[in-house]
Amino acid sequence: MIRLKKEEKEEIIREIQYFYQDEREEEIGALASEILLDFITLKLGKFYYNKGVQDSEKYLKEKLSELSEIEKY
């Protein structure tokens, strides 16, 4: 599971509350926001993590390919 610093978690909770207020014109409390954050972290976080790993791997492969194409002395 992803571990967030207390300050990071508090900031994300505020962002969730702002989102609900701005986009849905609904108020959501800190507890409900934290529960939503926990759900996103537990159920969806792995997809974002894996996508980040795949993107990094693709980038590194491209750079290694470029490196191998450099003329050798």
PDB file of N, CA and C in Angstrom:
ATOM      1  N   MET A   1       0.833  -1.184   0.000  1.00  0.00           N
ATOM      2  CA  MET A   1       0.000   0.000   0.000  1.00  0.00           C
ATOM      3  C   MET A   1       0.877   1.248   0.000  1.00  0.00           C
ATOM      4  N   ILE A   2       0.420   2.245  -0.669  1.00  0.00           N
ATOM      5  CA  ILE A   2       1.136   3.510  -0.731  1.00  0.00           C
ATOM      6  C   ILE A   2       1.026   4.209   0.619  1.00  0.00           C
ATOM      7  N   ARG A   3       2.150   4.661   1.117  1.00  0.00           N
ATOM      8  CA  ARG A   3       2.181   5.379   2.391  1.00  0.00           C
ATOM      9  C   ARG A   3       2.362   6.866   2.104  1.00  0.00           C
ATOM     10  N   LEU A   4       1.471   7.662   2.604  1.00  0.00           N
ATOM     11  CA  LEU A   4       1.556   9.104   2.429  1.00  0.00           C
ATOM     12  C   LEU A   4       1.948   9.757   3.748  1.00  0.00           C
ATOM     13  N   LYS A   5       2.708  10.831   3.645  1.00  0.00           N
ATOM     14  CA  LYS A   5       3.005  11.631   4.827  1.00  0.00           C
ATOM     15  C   LYS A   5       1.705  12.290   5.285  1.00  0.00           C
ATOM     16  N   LYS A   6       1.645  12.606   6.557  1.00  0.00           N
ATOM     17  CA  LYS A   6       0.452  13.229   7.125  1.00  0.00           C
ATOM     18  C   LYS A   6       0.066  14.483   6.344  1.00  0.00           C
ATOM     19  N   GLU A   7       1.049  15.307   6.015  1.00  0.00           N
ATOM     20  CA  GLU A   7       0.796  16.555   5.292  1.00  0.00           C
ATOM     21  C   GLU A   7       0.259  16.284   3.889  1.00  0.00           C
ATOM     22  N   GLU A   8       0.804  15.261   3.233  1.00  0.00           N
ATOM     23  CA  GLU A   8       0.329  14.907   1.892  1.00  0.00           C
ATOM     24  C   GLU A   8      -1.118  14.442   1.932  1.00  0.00           C
ATOM     25  N   LYS A   9      -1.423  13.587   2.901  1.00  0.00           N
ATOM     26  CA  LYS A   9      -2.785  13.073   3.034  1.00  0.00           C
ATOM     27  C   LYS A   9      -3.765  14.215   3.313  1.00  0.00           C
ATOM     28  N   GLU A  10      -3.392  15.119   4.183  1.00  0.00           N
ATOM     29  CA  GLU A  10      -4.254  16.262   4.490  1.00  0.00           C
ATOM     30  C   GLU A  10      -4.492  17.126   3.261  1.00  0.00           C
ATOM     31  N   GLU A  11      -3.443  17.318   2.459  1.00  0.00           N
ATOM     32  CA  GLU A  11      -3.586  18.122   1.237  1.00  0.00           C
ATOM     33  C   GLU A  11      -4.517  17.436   0.242  1.00  0.00           C
ATOM     34  N   ILE A  12      -4.374  16.137   0.085  1.00  0.00           N
ATOM     35  CA  ILE A  12      -5.234  15.403  -0.843  1.00  0.00           C
ATOM     36  C   ILE A  12      -6.683  15.440  -0.369  1.00  0.00           C
ATOM     37  N   ILE A  13      -6.891  15.304   0.923  1.00  0.00           N
ATOM     38  CA  ILE A  13      -8.242  15.367   1.468  1.00  0.00           C
ATOM     39  C   ILE A  13      -8.866  16.731   1.173  1.00  0.00           C
ATOM     40  N   ARG A  14      -8.093  17.798   1.347  1.00  0.00           N
ATOM     41  CA  ARG A  14      -8.598  19.138   1.011  1.00  0.00           C
ATOM     42  C   ARG A  14      -8.931  19.241  -0.472  1.00  0.00           C
ATOM     43  N   GLU A  15      -8.083  18.653  -1.325  1.00  0.00           N
ATOM     44  CA  GLU A  15      -8.340  18.690  -2.767  1.00  0.00           C
ATOM     45  C   GLU A  15      -9.631  17.954  -3.119  1.00  0.00           C
ATOM     46  N   ILE A  16      -9.883  16.833  -2.469  1.00  0.00           N
ATOM     47  CA  ILE A  16     -11.135  16.101  -2.692  1.00  0.00           C
ATOM     48  C   ILE A  16     -12.322  16.961  -2.273  1.00  0.00           C
ATOM     49  N   GLN A  17     -12.200  17.622  -1.134  1.00  0.00           N
ATOM     50  CA  GLN A  17     -13.274  18.492  -0.673  1.00  0.00           C
ATOM     51  C   GLN A  17     -13.504  19.645  -1.645  1.00  0.00           C
ATOM     52  N   TYR A  18     -12.416  20.248  -2.144  1.00  0.00           N
ATOM     53  CA  TYR A  18     -12.546  21.334  -3.122  1.00  0.00           C
ATOM     54  C   TYR A  18     -13.212  20.829  -4.397  1.00  0.00           C
ATOM     55  N   PHE A  19     -12.815  19.640  -4.842  1.00  0.00           N
ATOM     56  CA  PHE A  19     -13.398  19.066  -6.046  1.00  0.00           C
ATOM     57  C   PHE A  19     -14.907  18.907  -5.896  1.00  0.00           C
ATOM     58  N   TYR A  20     -15.319  18.320  -4.806  1.00  0.00           N
ATOM     59  CA  TYR A  20     -16.755  18.116  -4.590  1.00  0.00           C
ATOM     60  C   TYR A  20     -17.504  19.444  -4.549  1.00  0.00           C
ATOM     61  N   GLN A  21     -16.899  20.447  -3.920  1.00  0.00           N
ATOM     62  CA  GLN A  21     -17.551  21.750  -3.835  1.00  0.00           C
ATOM     63  C   GLN A  21     -17.622  22.414  -5.205  1.00  0.00           C
ATOM     64  N   ASP A  22     -16.514  22.431  -5.929  1.00  0.00           N
ATOM     65  CA  ASP A  22     -16.450  23.134  -7.214  1.00  0.00           C
ATOM     66  C   ASP A  22     -17.196  22.411  -8.332  1.00  0.00           C
ATOM     67  N   GLU A  23     -17.033  21.105  -8.417  1.00  0.00           N
ATOM     68  CA  GLU A  23     -17.583  20.353  -9.543  1.00  0.00           C
ATOM     69  C   GLU A  23     -18.999  19.837  -9.301  1.00  0.00           C
ATOM     70  N   ARG A  24     -19.295  19.507  -8.071  1.00  0.00           N
ATOM     71  CA  ARG A  24     -20.578  18.881  -7.779  1.00  0.00           C
ATOM     72  C   ARG A  24     -21.492  19.746  -6.917  1.00  0.00           C
ATOM     73  N   GLU A  25     -20.924  20.875  -6.456  1.00  0.00           N
ATOM     74  CA  GLU A  25     -21.646  21.771  -5.561  1.00  0.00           C
ATOM     75  C   GLU A  25     -22.203  21.014  -4.355  1.00  0.00           C
ATOM     76  N   GLU A  26     -21.360  20.135  -3.815  1.00  0.00           N
ATOM     77  CA  GLU A  26     -21.696  19.347  -2.631  1.00  0.00           C
ATOM     78  C   GLU A  26     -20.584  19.519  -1.609  1.00  0.00           C
ATOM     79  N   GLU A  27     -20.968  19.474  -0.367  1.00  0.00           N
ATOM     80  CA  GLU A  27     -19.958  19.471   0.684  1.00  0.00           C
ATOM     81  C   GLU A  27     -19.682  18.035   1.080  1.00  0.00           C
ATOM     82  N   ILE A  28     -18.416  17.741   1.275  1.00  0.00           N
ATOM     83  CA  ILE A  28     -18.008  16.417   1.727  1.00  0.00           C
ATOM     84  C   ILE A  28     -17.059  16.628   2.902  1.00  0.00           C
ATOM     85  N   GLY A  29     -17.283  15.897   3.958  1.00  0.00           N
ATOM     86  CA  GLY A  29     -16.473  16.061   5.153  1.00  0.00           C
ATOM     87  C   GLY A  29     -15.108  15.420   5.021  1.00  0.00           C
ATOM     88  N   ALA A  30     -14.272  15.700   5.997  1.00  0.00           N
ATOM     89  CA  ALA A  30     -12.915  15.166   6.000  1.00  0.00           C
ATOM     90  C   ALA A  30     -12.919  13.645   6.094  1.00  0.00           C
ATOM     91  N   LEU A  31     -13.817  13.086   6.903  1.00  0.00           N
ATOM     92  CA  LEU A  31     -13.863  11.631   7.048  1.00  0.00           C
ATOM     93  C   LEU A  31     -14.271  10.967   5.738  1.00  0.00           C
ATOM     94  N   ALA A  32     -15.302  11.480   5.087  1.00  0.00           N
ATOM     95  CA  ALA A  32     -15.735  10.921   3.804  1.00  0.00           C
ATOM     96  C   ALA A  32     -14.637  11.067   2.753  1.00  0.00           C
ATOM     97  N   SER A  33     -13.938  12.186   2.776  1.00  0.00           N
ATOM     98  CA  SER A  33     -12.830  12.399   1.843  1.00  0.00           C
ATOM     99  C   SER A  33     -11.706  11.408   2.096  1.00  0.00           C
ATOM    100  N   GLU A  34     -11.429  11.146   3.361  1.00  0.00           N
ATOM    101  CA  GLU A  34     -10.379  10.188   3.701  1.00  0.00           C
ATOM    102  C   GLU A  34     -10.769   8.774   3.265  1.00  0.00           C
ATOM    103  N   ILE A  35     -12.026   8.414   3.435  1.00  0.00           N
ATOM    104  CA  ILE A  35     -12.498   7.100   2.997  1.00  0.00           C
ATOM    105  C   ILE A  35     -12.369   6.980   1.477  1.00  0.00           C
ATOM    106  N   LEU A  36     -12.730   8.039   0.751  1.00  0.00           N
ATOM    107  CA  LEU A  36     -12.584   8.034  -0.707  1.00  0.00           C
ATOM    108  C   LEU A  36     -11.117   7.916  -1.099  1.00  0.00           C
ATOM    109  N   LEU A  37     -10.256   8.646  -0.412  1.00  0.00           N
ATOM    110  CA  LEU A  37      -8.818   8.564  -0.676  1.00  0.00           C
ATOM    111  C   LEU A  37      -8.301   7.151  -0.438  1.00  0.00           C
ATOM    112  N   ASP A  38      -8.708   6.536   0.653  1.00  0.00           N
ATOM    113  CA  ASP A  38      -8.286   5.165   0.941  1.00  0.00           C
ATOM    114  C   ASP A  38      -8.747   4.207  -0.147  1.00  0.00           C
ATOM    115  N   PHE A  39      -9.984   4.384  -0.623  1.00  0.00           N
ATOM    116  CA  PHE A  39     -10.493   3.539  -1.710  1.00  0.00           C
ATOM    117  C   PHE A  39      -9.648   3.709  -2.971  1.00  0.00           C
ATOM    118  N   ILE A  40      -9.403   4.963  -3.338  1.00  0.00           N
ATOM    119  CA  ILE A  40      -8.622   5.234  -4.544  1.00  0.00           C
ATOM    120  C   ILE A  40      -7.223   4.639  -4.410  1.00  0.00           C
ATOM    121  N   THR A  41      -6.623   4.824  -3.255  1.00  0.00           N
ATOM    122  CA  THR A  41      -5.276   4.305  -3.024  1.00  0.00           C
ATOM    123  C   THR A  41      -5.246   2.784  -3.109  1.00  0.00           C
ATOM    124  N   LEU A  42      -6.183   2.120  -2.446  1.00  0.00           N
ATOM    125  CA  LEU A  42      -6.187   0.658  -2.396  1.00  0.00           C
ATOM    126  C   LEU A  42      -6.608   0.017  -3.709  1.00  0.00           C
ATOM    127  N   LYS A  43      -7.618   0.574  -4.351  1.00  0.00           N
ATOM    128  CA  LYS A  43      -8.193  -0.079  -5.525  1.00  0.00           C
ATOM    129  C   LYS A  43      -7.669   0.442  -6.857  1.00  0.00           C
ATOM    130  N   LEU A  44      -7.293   1.698  -6.920  1.00  0.00           N
ATOM    131  CA  LEU A  44      -6.901   2.292  -8.197  1.00  0.00           C
ATOM    132  C   LEU A  44      -5.419   2.638  -8.281  1.00  0.00           C
ATOM    133  N   GLY A  45      -4.774   2.816  -7.133  1.00  0.00           N
ATOM    134  CA  GLY A  45      -3.373   3.231  -7.113  1.00  0.00           C
ATOM    135  C   GLY A  45      -2.455   2.327  -7.904  1.00  0.00           C
ATOM    136  N   LYS A  46      -2.722   1.012  -7.861  1.00  0.00           N
ATOM    137  CA  LYS A  46      -1.855   0.067  -8.568  1.00  0.00           C
ATOM    138  C   LYS A  46      -1.850   0.313 -10.076  1.00  0.00           C
ATOM    139  N   PHE A  47      -2.974   0.759 -10.629  1.00  0.00           N
ATOM    140  CA  PHE A  47      -3.036   1.021 -12.058  1.00  0.00           C
ATOM    141  C   PHE A  47      -2.149   2.209 -12.434  1.00  0.00           C
ATOM    142  N   TYR A  48      -2.193   3.255 -11.624  1.00  0.00           N
ATOM    143  CA  TYR A  48      -1.347   4.422 -11.871  1.00  0.00           C
ATOM    144  C   TYR A  48       0.124   4.092 -11.648  1.00  0.00           C
ATOM    145  N   TYR A  49       0.410   3.315 -10.636  1.00  0.00           N
ATOM    146  CA  TYR A  49       1.787   2.898 -10.363  1.00  0.00           C
ATOM    147  C   TYR A  49       2.333   2.095 -11.538  1.00  0.00           C
ATOM    148  N   ASN A  50       1.562   1.097 -11.980  1.00  0.00           N
ATOM    149  CA  ASN A  50       2.012   0.248 -13.085  1.00  0.00           C
ATOM    150  C   ASN A  50       2.186   1.042 -14.368  1.00  0.00           C
ATOM    151  N   LYS A  51       1.307   2.004 -14.619  1.00  0.00           N
ATOM    152  CA  LYS A  51       1.437   2.851 -15.807  1.00  0.00           C
ATOM    153  C   LYS A  51       2.721   3.678 -15.720  1.00  0.00           C
ATOM    154  N   GLY A  52       3.027   4.183 -14.544  1.00  0.00           N
ATOM    155  CA  GLY A  52       4.270   4.943 -14.359  1.00  0.00           C
ATOM    156  C   GLY A  52       5.500   4.084 -14.605  1.00  0.00           C
ATOM    157  N   VAL A  53       5.470   2.844 -14.131  1.00  0.00           N
ATOM    158  CA  VAL A  53       6.579   1.919 -14.354  1.00  0.00           C
ATOM    159  C   VAL A  53       6.714   1.620 -15.852  1.00  0.00           C
ATOM    160  N   GLN A  54       5.592   1.371 -16.525  1.00  0.00           N
ATOM    161  CA  GLN A  54       5.629   1.089 -17.967  1.00  0.00           C
ATOM    162  C   GLN A  54       6.173   2.280 -18.745  1.00  0.00           C
ATOM    163  N   ASP A  55       5.726   3.474 -18.408  1.00  0.00           N
ATOM    164  CA  ASP A  55       6.207   4.670 -19.096  1.00  0.00           C
ATOM    165  C   ASP A  55       7.706   4.868 -18.868  1.00  0.00           C
ATOM    166  N   SER A  56       8.161   4.632 -17.651  1.00  0.00           N
ATOM    167  CA  SER A  56       9.592   4.761 -17.344  1.00  0.00           C
ATOM    168  C   SER A  56      10.408   3.736 -18.115  1.00  0.00           C
ATOM    169  N   GLU A  57       9.917   2.501 -18.174  1.00  0.00           N
ATOM    170  CA  GLU A  57      10.609   1.444 -18.911  1.00  0.00           C
ATOM    171  C   GLU A  57      10.699   1.786 -20.396  1.00  0.00           C
ATOM    172  N   LYS A  58       9.616   2.300 -20.970  1.00  0.00           N
ATOM    173  CA  LYS A  58       9.616   2.691 -22.383  1.00  0.00           C
ATOM    174  C   LYS A  58      10.636   3.805 -22.630  1.00  0.00           C
ATOM    175  N   TYR A  59      10.652   4.790 -21.753  1.00  0.00           N
ATOM    176  CA  TYR A  59      11.586   5.905 -21.885  1.00  0.00           C
ATOM    177  C   TYR A  59      13.032   5.418 -21.827  1.00  0.00           C
ATOM    178  N   LEU A  60      13.320   4.561 -20.849  1.00  0.00           N
ATOM    179  CA  LEU A  60      14.686   4.054 -20.699  1.00  0.00           C
ATOM    180  C   LEU A  60      15.107   3.213 -21.894  1.00  0.00           C
ATOM    181  N   LYS A  61      14.196   2.397 -22.426  1.00  0.00           N
ATOM    182  CA  LYS A  61      14.514   1.598 -23.616  1.00  0.00           C
ATOM    183  C   LYS A  61      14.834   2.488 -24.802  1.00  0.00           C
ATOM    184  N   GLU A  62      14.064   3.580 -24.964  1.00  0.00           N
ATOM    185  CA  GLU A  62      14.323   4.515 -26.057  1.00  0.00           C
ATOM    186  C   GLU A  62      15.694   5.157 -25.910  1.00  0.00           C
ATOM    187  N   LYS A  63      16.040   5.557 -24.701  1.00  0.00           N
ATOM    188  CA  LYS A  63      17.336   6.202 -24.459  1.00  0.00           C
ATOM    189  C   LYS A  63      18.488   5.213 -24.660  1.00  0.00           C
ATOM    190  N   LEU A  64      18.302   3.955 -24.226  1.00  0.00           N
ATOM    191  CA  LEU A  64      19.335   2.952 -24.440  1.00  0.00           C
ATOM    192  C   LEU A  64      19.518   2.663 -25.928  1.00  0.00           C
ATOM    193  N   SER A  65      18.426   2.679 -26.668  1.00  0.00           N
ATOM    194  CA  SER A  65      18.493   2.472 -28.107  1.00  0.00           C
ATOM    195  C   SER A  65      19.272   3.613 -28.763  1.00  0.00           C
ATOM    196  N   GLU A  66      19.007   4.834 -28.344  1.00  0.00           N
ATOM    197  CA  GLU A  66      19.737   5.986 -28.869  1.00  0.00           C
ATOM    198  C   GLU A  66      21.219   5.874 -28.544  1.00  0.00           C
ATOM    199  N   LEU A  67      21.523   5.421 -27.351  1.00  0.00           N
ATOM    200  CA  LEU A  67      22.904   5.279 -26.925  1.00  0.00           C
ATOM    201  C   LEU A  67      23.635   4.241 -27.778  1.00  0.00           C
ATOM    202  N   SER A  68      22.953   3.157 -28.098  1.00  0.00           N
ATOM    203  CA  SER A  68      23.606   2.114 -28.889  1.00  0.00           C
ATOM    204  C   SER A  68      23.818   2.537 -30.339  1.00  0.00           C
ATOM    205  N   GLU A  69      23.078   3.559 -30.782  1.00  0.00           N
ATOM    206  CA  GLU A  69      23.230   4.041 -32.153  1.00  0.00           C
ATOM    207  C   GLU A  69      24.361   5.064 -32.296  1.00  0.00           C
ATOM    208  N   ILE A  70      24.893   5.528 -31.187  1.00  0.00           N
ATOM    209  CA  ILE A  70      25.992   6.499 -31.234  1.00  0.00           C
ATOM    210  C   ILE A  70      27.224   5.811 -31.806  1.00  0.00           C
ATOM    211  N   GLU A  71      27.897   6.500 -32.701  1.00  0.00           N
ATOM    212  CA  GLU A  71      29.080   5.953 -33.342  1.00  0.00           C
ATOM    213  C   GLU A  71      30.165   5.684 -32.297  1.00  0.00           C
ATOM    214  N   LYS A  72      30.742   4.517 -32.378  1.00  0.00           N
ATOM    215  CA  LYS A  72      31.772   4.134 -31.421  1.00  0.00           C
ATOM    216  C   LYS A  72      33.146   4.441 -32.005  1.00  0.00           C
ATOM    217  N   TYR A  73      34.058   4.869 -31.154  1.00  0.00           N
ATOM    218  CA  TYR A  73      35.412   5.222 -31.609  1.00  0.00           C
ATOM    219  C   TYR A  73      36.343   4.078 -31.377  1.00  0.00           C
TER     220      TYR A  73
END
